[in-house]
Amino acid sequence: MRITIYNEGVHEQQEGSTTQRLYPEGMHGAIAAGLRTHLPEASIRFAHLDLPSHGLTDDVLAETDVLLWWGHEAHDRVDDAVVSSVIRRVHEGMGFLPLHSAHYSKPFTRLMGTTCSLRWRGGNDRELVWTVSPTHPIAAGVPHPIIIEGQEMYGEHFDIPEPDDLIFISSFTGGEVFRSGATFTRGLGKIFYFSPGDQEYPVYHHPDIHRVLANGVRWAMPTLPPTTLDAPMAPLGWFEKG
């Protein structure tokens, strides 16, 4: 099980920021720690915006079974060639977990083919994450609801295509609701979008969030050997000649 966590790493570099205080090992470090609790057999590597090719070279992607992606302020700085490589690998079978603000990331918007826009409200809100598909593998062992005492509000309308499966819906103190956990299939690749995880709150230290992410990684693992989707040419009448 080979996992790569992309974290743009912008907030962690802002001296004295809330993110730096909450995540001294980086948000990617907290995500990795949670995954290791449930997936001790996994190998985890990190990728960041300021690395060459953002740490997502073709070799790294070829050795990645599931890619988690957290981004917020620097979506426009992600190289389009890297985005194309990520999308190609998803089509070939790599799992993809865009997290929170990655709804606006280049890979996710291109894979969805929509704006992926939503309503949002800052401030210290309380989020309840309700399971609406209790038999789905990603919901296994997850409490109903997950209670997140501090979080940014995301609300409908969320401009995404109809999900293959809707697993979680969140509610907030202002009465808003949001499709916070949804799956999609693109080519041979499985995609799980999960929204809780703003940089101003310790969401990625939450044990129930750890379980959801680990379940998501298990579910998104490729079930077929890596393959391209390029169809080989065949001569006319090939089916008549065996």
C-alpha atoms as a PDB file:
ATOM      1  CA  MET A   1       0.000   0.000   0.000  1.00  0.00           C
ATOM      2  CA  ARG A   2       1.883   3.030  -1.319  1.00  0.00           C
ATOM      3  CA  ILE A   3       0.442   6.390  -0.275  1.00  0.00           C
ATOM      4  CA  THR A   4       1.509   9.885  -1.313  1.00  0.00           C
ATOM      5  CA  ILE A   5       0.200  12.939   0.566  1.00  0.00           C
ATOM      6  CA  TYR A   6       0.376  16.234  -1.327  1.00  0.00           C
ATOM      7  CA  ASN A   7       0.144  19.287   0.929  1.00  0.00           C
ATOM      8  CA  GLU A   8       0.874  22.646  -0.677  1.00  0.00           C
ATOM      9  CA  GLY A   9       2.494  23.672   2.620  1.00  0.00           C
ATOM     10  CA  VAL A  10       1.804  27.404   2.354  1.00  0.00           C
ATOM     11  CA  HIS A  11       0.074  27.998   5.700  1.00  0.00           C
ATOM     12  CA  GLU A  12       2.714  26.099   7.646  1.00  0.00           C
ATOM     13  CA  GLN A  13       5.370  28.546   6.403  1.00  0.00           C
ATOM     14  CA  GLN A  14       3.550  31.607   7.762  1.00  0.00           C
ATOM     15  CA  GLU A  15       5.376  32.483  10.976  1.00  0.00           C
ATOM     16  CA  GLY A  16       3.057  32.522  13.971  1.00  0.00           C
ATOM     17  CA  SER A  17       0.079  31.202  12.001  1.00  0.00           C
ATOM     18  CA  THR A  18      -2.649  29.103  13.577  1.00  0.00           C
ATOM     19  CA  THR A  19      -1.750  26.294  11.188  1.00  0.00           C
ATOM     20  CA  GLN A  20       1.861  26.330  12.343  1.00  0.00           C
ATOM     21  CA  ARG A  21       0.707  26.107  15.961  1.00  0.00           C
ATOM     22  CA  LEU A  22      -1.861  23.361  15.395  1.00  0.00           C
ATOM     23  CA  TYR A  23       0.270  21.322  13.020  1.00  0.00           C
ATOM     24  CA  PRO A  24       3.944  21.606  14.039  1.00  0.00           C
ATOM     25  CA  GLU A  25       4.701  18.594  11.812  1.00  0.00           C
ATOM     26  CA  GLY A  26       2.582  20.043   9.004  1.00  0.00           C
ATOM     27  CA  MET A  27      -0.961  19.071   8.075  1.00  0.00           C
ATOM     28  CA  HIS A  28       0.503  16.238   6.013  1.00  0.00           C
ATOM     29  CA  GLY A  29       2.246  14.976   9.158  1.00  0.00           C
ATOM     30  CA  ALA A  30      -1.029  14.828  11.094  1.00  0.00           C
ATOM     31  CA  ILE A  31      -2.790  13.091   8.200  1.00  0.00           C
ATOM     32  CA  ALA A  32       0.037  10.553   7.934  1.00  0.00           C
ATOM     33  CA  ALA A  33      -0.002   9.882  11.683  1.00  0.00           C
ATOM     34  CA  GLY A  34      -3.713   9.115  11.511  1.00  0.00           C
ATOM     35  CA  LEU A  35      -3.279   6.811   8.538  1.00  0.00           C
ATOM     36  CA  ARG A  36      -0.447   4.913  10.244  1.00  0.00           C
ATOM     37  CA  THR A  37      -2.756   4.189  13.192  1.00  0.00           C
ATOM     38  CA  HIS A  38      -5.091   2.230  10.928  1.00  0.00           C
ATOM     39  CA  LEU A  39      -2.744   1.237   8.079  1.00  0.00           C
ATOM     40  CA  PRO A  40       0.544   0.263   9.747  1.00  0.00           C
ATOM     41  CA  GLU A  41       1.568  -1.700   6.661  1.00  0.00           C
ATOM     42  CA  ALA A  42       1.423   1.358   4.383  1.00  0.00           C
ATOM     43  CA  SER A  43       4.427   3.277   3.100  1.00  0.00           C
ATOM     44  CA  ILE A  44       3.790   7.038   3.056  1.00  0.00           C
ATOM     45  CA  ARG A  45       5.695   9.737   1.198  1.00  0.00           C
ATOM     46  CA  PHE A  46       5.093  13.478   1.026  1.00  0.00           C
ATOM     47  CA  ALA A  47       4.870  15.974  -1.830  1.00  0.00           C
ATOM     48  CA  HIS A  48       4.825  19.784  -1.547  1.00  0.00           C
ATOM     49  CA  LEU A  49       4.284  22.757  -3.804  1.00  0.00           C
ATOM     50  CA  ASP A  50       7.858  24.048  -3.547  1.00  0.00           C
ATOM     51  CA  LEU A  51       9.520  20.798  -4.633  1.00  0.00           C
ATOM     52  CA  PRO A  52      10.525  20.195  -8.283  1.00  0.00           C
ATOM     53  CA  SER A  53       7.365  18.984 -10.061  1.00  0.00           C
ATOM     54  CA  HIS A  54       5.750  19.542  -6.623  1.00  0.00           C
ATOM     55  CA  GLY A  55       7.230  16.197  -5.619  1.00  0.00           C
ATOM     56  CA  LEU A  56       4.883  14.465  -8.058  1.00  0.00           C
ATOM     57  CA  THR A  57       7.229  13.272 -10.772  1.00  0.00           C
ATOM     58  CA  ASP A  58       6.141  10.539 -13.141  1.00  0.00           C
ATOM     59  CA  ASP A  59       8.267   8.067 -11.160  1.00  0.00           C
ATOM     60  CA  VAL A  60       6.603   9.037  -7.869  1.00  0.00           C
ATOM     61  CA  LEU A  61       3.123   8.813  -9.375  1.00  0.00           C
ATOM     62  CA  ALA A  62       3.942   5.433 -10.912  1.00  0.00           C
ATOM     63  CA  GLU A  63       4.808   4.210  -7.416  1.00  0.00           C
ATOM     64  CA  THR A  64       1.667   5.665  -5.800  1.00  0.00           C
ATOM     65  CA  ASP A  65      -1.446   3.563  -5.186  1.00  0.00           C
ATOM     66  CA  VAL A  66      -3.448   6.371  -3.535  1.00  0.00           C
ATOM     67  CA  LEU A  67      -2.791  10.123  -3.669  1.00  0.00           C
ATOM     68  CA  LEU A  68      -4.256  12.430  -0.998  1.00  0.00           C
ATOM     69  CA  TRP A  69      -4.369  16.124  -1.957  1.00  0.00           C
ATOM     70  CA  TRP A  70      -4.683  19.160   0.335  1.00  0.00           C
ATOM     71  CA  GLY A  71      -4.467  22.620  -1.186  1.00  0.00           C
ATOM     72  CA  HIS A  72      -5.958  26.039  -0.477  1.00  0.00           C
ATOM     73  CA  GLU A  73      -4.100  29.234  -1.394  1.00  0.00           C
ATOM     74  CA  ALA A  74      -1.918  28.054  -4.253  1.00  0.00           C
ATOM     75  CA  HIS A  75      -4.130  26.115  -6.653  1.00  0.00           C
ATOM     76  CA  ASP A  76      -3.076  28.403  -9.508  1.00  0.00           C
ATOM     77  CA  ARG A  77       0.622  27.693  -8.858  1.00  0.00           C
ATOM     78  CA  VAL A  78       0.299  23.974  -9.541  1.00  0.00           C
ATOM     79  CA  ASP A  79       1.932  23.124 -12.854  1.00  0.00           C
ATOM     80  CA  ASP A  80      -0.531  22.011 -15.535  1.00  0.00           C
ATOM     81  CA  ALA A  81       1.859  19.292 -16.724  1.00  0.00           C
ATOM     82  CA  VAL A  82       1.837  17.778 -13.233  1.00  0.00           C
ATOM     83  CA  VAL A  83      -1.957  17.997 -13.161  1.00  0.00           C
ATOM     84  CA  SER A  84      -2.161  16.112 -16.459  1.00  0.00           C
ATOM     85  CA  SER A  85       0.133  13.415 -15.067  1.00  0.00           C
ATOM     86  CA  VAL A  86      -2.047  13.056 -11.957  1.00  0.00           C
ATOM     87  CA  ILE A  87      -5.206  12.781 -14.055  1.00  0.00           C
ATOM     88  CA  ARG A  88      -3.596  10.209 -16.336  1.00  0.00           C
ATOM     89  CA  ARG A  89      -2.636   8.088 -13.322  1.00  0.00           C
ATOM     90  CA  VAL A  90      -6.181   8.311 -11.933  1.00  0.00           C
ATOM     91  CA  HIS A  91      -7.500   7.060 -15.264  1.00  0.00           C
ATOM     92  CA  GLU A  92      -4.976   4.233 -15.074  1.00  0.00           C
ATOM     93  CA  GLY A  93      -6.186   3.173 -11.631  1.00  0.00           C
ATOM     94  CA  MET A  94      -4.533   5.338  -8.949  1.00  0.00           C
ATOM     95  CA  GLY A  95      -6.872   6.256  -6.093  1.00  0.00           C
ATOM     96  CA  PHE A  96      -7.382   9.977  -5.414  1.00  0.00           C
ATOM     97  CA  LEU A  97      -8.579  11.643  -2.203  1.00  0.00           C
ATOM     98  CA  PRO A  98      -9.019  15.439  -2.548  1.00  0.00           C
ATOM     99  CA  LEU A  99      -9.477  16.962   0.910  1.00  0.00           C
ATOM    100  CA  HIS A 100     -11.351  20.071   2.050  1.00  0.00           C
ATOM    101  CA  SER A 101     -10.275  23.072  -0.099  1.00  0.00           C
ATOM    102  CA  ALA A 102      -8.982  20.706  -2.756  1.00  0.00           C
ATOM    103  CA  HIS A 103     -12.493  20.925  -4.181  1.00  0.00           C
ATOM    104  CA  TYR A 104     -10.969  23.856  -6.121  1.00  0.00           C
ATOM    105  CA  SER A 105      -7.741  22.048  -6.990  1.00  0.00           C
ATOM    106  CA  LYS A 106      -6.863  21.660 -10.651  1.00  0.00           C
ATOM    107  CA  PRO A 107      -6.935  17.836 -10.633  1.00  0.00           C
ATOM    108  CA  PHE A 108     -10.353  17.644  -8.982  1.00  0.00           C
ATOM    109  CA  THR A 109     -12.067  20.305 -11.094  1.00  0.00           C
ATOM    110  CA  ARG A 110     -10.712  18.760 -14.289  1.00  0.00           C
ATOM    111  CA  LEU A 111     -11.771  15.273 -13.235  1.00  0.00           C
ATOM    112  CA  MET A 112     -15.249  16.533 -12.314  1.00  0.00           C
ATOM    113  CA  GLY A 113     -15.706  18.805 -15.336  1.00  0.00           C
ATOM    114  CA  THR A 114     -17.609  21.381 -13.238  1.00  0.00           C
ATOM    115  CA  THR A 115     -16.734  24.505 -11.240  1.00  0.00           C
ATOM    116  CA  CYS A 116     -16.822  22.589  -7.907  1.00  0.00           C
ATOM    117  CA  SER A 117     -17.911  25.888  -6.293  1.00  0.00           C
ATOM    118  CA  LEU A 118     -19.773  25.985  -2.978  1.00  0.00           C
ATOM    119  CA  ARG A 119     -21.016  28.298  -0.243  1.00  0.00           C
ATOM    120  CA  TRP A 120     -18.742  28.869   2.732  1.00  0.00           C
ATOM    121  CA  ARG A 121     -18.648  30.808   5.976  1.00  0.00           C
ATOM    122  CA  GLY A 122     -15.664  31.395   8.236  1.00  0.00           C
ATOM    123  CA  GLY A 123     -15.851  31.406  11.996  1.00  0.00           C
ATOM    124  CA  ASN A 124     -15.713  28.730  14.635  1.00  0.00           C
ATOM    125  CA  ASP A 125     -18.669  26.506  13.704  1.00  0.00           C
ATOM    126  CA  ARG A 126     -19.782  23.056  14.859  1.00  0.00           C
ATOM    127  CA  GLU A 127     -20.002  20.410  12.152  1.00  0.00           C
ATOM    128  CA  LEU A 128     -21.940  17.153  12.421  1.00  0.00           C
ATOM    129  CA  VAL A 129     -20.963  14.591   9.786  1.00  0.00           C
ATOM    130  CA  TRP A 130     -23.923  12.253   9.230  1.00  0.00           C
ATOM    131  CA  THR A 131     -23.528   8.848   7.584  1.00  0.00           C
ATOM    132  CA  VAL A 132     -26.125   8.361   4.856  1.00  0.00           C
ATOM    133  CA  SER A 133     -24.652   5.167   3.374  1.00  0.00           C
ATOM    134  CA  PRO A 134     -23.890   3.004   6.428  1.00  0.00           C
ATOM    135  CA  THR A 135     -23.057  -0.132   4.413  1.00  0.00           C
ATOM    136  CA  HIS A 136     -20.349   1.575   2.340  1.00  0.00           C
ATOM    137  CA  PRO A 137     -16.792   0.445   3.229  1.00  0.00           C
ATOM    138  CA  ILE A 138     -15.724   4.055   3.864  1.00  0.00           C
ATOM    139  CA  ALA A 139     -18.337   4.310   6.642  1.00  0.00           C
ATOM    140  CA  ALA A 140     -17.138   1.166   8.456  1.00  0.00           C
ATOM    141  CA  GLY A 141     -16.659   1.833  12.172  1.00  0.00           C
ATOM    142  CA  VAL A 142     -17.483   5.536  11.810  1.00  0.00           C
ATOM    143  CA  PRO A 143     -19.760   7.023  14.540  1.00  0.00           C
ATOM    144  CA  HIS A 144     -23.068   8.593  13.542  1.00  0.00           C
ATOM    145  CA  PRO A 145     -22.566  11.483  13.596  1.00  0.00           C
ATOM    146  CA  ILE A 146     -18.931  12.529  13.750  1.00  0.00           C
ATOM    147  CA  ILE A 147     -18.843  15.646  15.949  1.00  0.00           C
ATOM    148  CA  ILE A 148     -16.325  18.339  14.979  1.00  0.00           C
ATOM    149  CA  GLU A 149     -16.449  21.151  17.525  1.00  0.00           C
ATOM    150  CA  GLY A 150     -14.487  23.677  15.448  1.00  0.00           C
ATOM    151  CA  GLN A 151     -14.670  23.953  11.678  1.00  0.00           C
ATOM    152  CA  GLU A 152     -15.318  26.232   8.707  1.00  0.00           C
ATOM    153  CA  MET A 153     -18.775  25.930   7.154  1.00  0.00           C
ATOM    154  CA  TYR A 154     -19.163  24.489   3.670  1.00  0.00           C
ATOM    155  CA  GLY A 155     -22.701  24.560   2.279  1.00  0.00           C
ATOM    156  CA  GLU A 156     -24.820  23.778  -0.754  1.00  0.00           C
ATOM    157  CA  HIS A 157     -25.034  24.220  -3.591  1.00  0.00           C
ATOM    158  CA  PHE A 158     -21.884  22.184  -4.271  1.00  0.00           C
ATOM    159  CA  ASP A 159     -21.334  22.190  -8.031  1.00  0.00           C
ATOM    160  CA  ILE A 160     -20.171  18.625  -8.634  1.00  0.00           C
ATOM    161  CA  PRO A 161     -21.534  15.885 -10.889  1.00  0.00           C
ATOM    162  CA  GLU A 162     -23.913  13.343  -9.385  1.00  0.00           C
ATOM    163  CA  PRO A 163     -21.696  11.182  -7.142  1.00  0.00           C
ATOM    164  CA  ASP A 164     -21.461   7.435  -7.581  1.00  0.00           C
ATOM    165  CA  ASP A 165     -22.076   7.168  -3.840  1.00  0.00           C
ATOM    166  CA  LEU A 166     -22.979   9.818  -1.290  1.00  0.00           C
ATOM    167  CA  ILE A 167     -21.618   8.623   2.049  1.00  0.00           C
ATOM    168  CA  PHE A 168     -21.646  11.659   4.356  1.00  0.00           C
ATOM    169  CA  ILE A 169     -23.748  14.809   4.691  1.00  0.00           C
ATOM    170  CA  SER A 170     -22.690  17.535   7.119  1.00  0.00           C
ATOM    171  CA  SER A 171     -24.891  19.990   9.009  1.00  0.00           C
ATOM    172  CA  PHE A 172     -23.874  23.266  10.644  1.00  0.00           C
ATOM    173  CA  THR A 173     -25.238  25.591  13.307  1.00  0.00           C
ATOM    174  CA  GLY A 174     -26.570  28.052  10.739  1.00  0.00           C
ATOM    175  CA  GLY A 175     -28.834  25.356   9.286  1.00  0.00           C
ATOM    176  CA  GLU A 176     -26.603  24.710   6.282  1.00  0.00           C
ATOM    177  CA  VAL A 177     -26.013  21.212   4.902  1.00  0.00           C
ATOM    178  CA  PHE A 178     -23.244  19.920   2.656  1.00  0.00           C
ATOM    179  CA  ARG A 179     -22.433  16.731   0.749  1.00  0.00           C
ATOM    180  CA  SER A 180     -19.191  16.230   2.645  1.00  0.00           C
ATOM    181  CA  GLY A 181     -18.224  12.711   1.549  1.00  0.00           C
ATOM    182  CA  ALA A 182     -18.784  11.497  -2.007  1.00  0.00           C
ATOM    183  CA  THR A 183     -17.206   9.017  -4.408  1.00  0.00           C
ATOM    184  CA  PHE A 184     -16.639   9.058  -8.145  1.00  0.00           C
ATOM    185  CA  THR A 185     -15.015   6.789 -10.729  1.00  0.00           C
ATOM    186  CA  ARG A 186     -12.882   8.088 -13.571  1.00  0.00           C
ATOM    187  CA  GLY A 187     -11.404   5.478 -15.879  1.00  0.00           C
ATOM    188  CA  LEU A 188     -10.050   2.750 -13.597  1.00  0.00           C
ATOM    189  CA  GLY A 189      -9.463   5.170 -10.708  1.00  0.00           C
ATOM    190  CA  LYS A 190     -11.591   5.704  -7.601  1.00  0.00           C
ATOM    191  CA  ILE A 191     -12.045   9.197  -6.132  1.00  0.00           C
ATOM    192  CA  PHE A 192     -13.262  10.055  -2.629  1.00  0.00           C
ATOM    193  CA  TYR A 193     -13.837  13.721  -1.801  1.00  0.00           C
ATOM    194  CA  PHE A 194     -13.995  14.455   1.939  1.00  0.00           C
ATOM    195  CA  SER A 195     -14.506  18.027   3.137  1.00  0.00           C
ATOM    196  CA  PRO A 196     -13.675  18.293   6.893  1.00  0.00           C
ATOM    197  CA  GLY A 197     -10.156  19.685   7.354  1.00  0.00           C
ATOM    198  CA  ASP A 198      -9.733  23.464   7.437  1.00  0.00           C
ATOM    199  CA  GLN A 199      -6.230  24.706   8.285  1.00  0.00           C
ATOM    200  CA  GLU A 200      -7.495  26.883  11.157  1.00  0.00           C
ATOM    201  CA  TYR A 201      -8.800  23.929  13.198  1.00  0.00           C
ATOM    202  CA  PRO A 202      -7.289  20.672  14.540  1.00  0.00           C
ATOM    203  CA  VAL A 203      -9.555  18.471  12.410  1.00  0.00           C
ATOM    204  CA  TYR A 204      -6.726  16.213  11.230  1.00  0.00           C
ATOM    205  CA  HIS A 205      -5.997  15.277  14.850  1.00  0.00           C
ATOM    206  CA  HIS A 206      -9.573  13.934  15.221  1.00  0.00           C
ATOM    207  CA  PRO A 207      -9.569  10.109  15.577  1.00  0.00           C
ATOM    208  CA  ASP A 208     -12.849   9.694  13.689  1.00  0.00           C
ATOM    209  CA  ILE A 209     -11.462  11.701  10.769  1.00  0.00           C
ATOM    210  CA  HIS A 210      -8.410   9.406  10.830  1.00  0.00           C
ATOM    211  CA  ARG A 211     -10.716   6.405  10.458  1.00  0.00           C
ATOM    212  CA  VAL A 212     -12.603   7.931   7.528  1.00  0.00           C
ATOM    213  CA  LEU A 213      -9.383   8.756   5.676  1.00  0.00           C
ATOM    214  CA  ALA A 214      -7.945   5.284   6.288  1.00  0.00           C
ATOM    215  CA  ASN A 215     -11.192   3.699   5.087  1.00  0.00           C
ATOM    216  CA  GLY A 216     -11.067   5.957   2.035  1.00  0.00           C
ATOM    217  CA  VAL A 217      -7.531   4.882   1.211  1.00  0.00           C
ATOM    218  CA  ARG A 218      -8.449   1.192   1.537  1.00  0.00           C
ATOM    219  CA  TRP A 219     -11.475   1.680  -0.710  1.00  0.00           C
ATOM    220  CA  ALA A 220      -9.546   3.657  -3.343  1.00  0.00           C
ATOM    221  CA  MET A 221      -6.696   1.137  -3.625  1.00  0.00           C
ATOM    222  CA  PRO A 222      -6.332  -0.158  -7.199  1.00  0.00           C
ATOM    223  CA  THR A 223      -7.899  -3.558  -7.761  1.00  0.00           C
ATOM    224  CA  LEU A 224      -6.258  -4.152 -11.153  1.00  0.00           C
ATOM    225  CA  PRO A 225      -2.611  -3.987 -12.223  1.00  0.00           C
ATOM    226  CA  PRO A 226      -1.555  -0.524 -13.437  1.00  0.00           C
ATOM    227  CA  THR A 227      -2.508  -0.143 -17.066  1.00  0.00           C
ATOM    228  CA  THR A 228      -2.953   2.538 -19.695  1.00  0.00           C
ATOM    229  CA  LEU A 229      -6.306   3.072 -21.337  1.00  0.00           C
ATOM    230  CA  ASP A 230      -4.870   3.434 -24.845  1.00  0.00           C
ATOM    231  CA  ALA A 231      -6.686   1.000 -27.131  1.00  0.00           C
ATOM    232  CA  PRO A 232      -4.396  -0.976 -29.472  1.00  0.00           C
ATOM    233  CA  MET A 233      -5.081  -0.827 -33.177  1.00  0.00           C
ATOM    234  CA  ALA A 234      -6.482  -3.970 -34.817  1.00  0.00           C
ATOM    235  CA  PRO A 235      -6.929  -4.794 -38.515  1.00  0.00           C
ATOM    236  CA  LEU A 236     -10.373  -4.971 -40.037  1.00  0.00           C
ATOM    237  CA  GLY A 237     -11.893  -8.412 -39.525  1.00  0.00           C
ATOM    238  CA  TRP A 238      -9.705  -9.301 -36.516  1.00  0.00           C
ATOM    239  CA  PHE A 239     -12.691 -10.855 -34.747  1.00  0.00           C
ATOM    240  CA  GLU A 240     -13.280 -13.271 -37.671  1.00  0.00           C
ATOM    241  CA  LYS A 241      -9.710 -14.588 -37.632  1.00  0.00           C
ATOM    242  CA  GLY A 242      -9.459 -15.482 -33.954  1.00  0.00           C
END
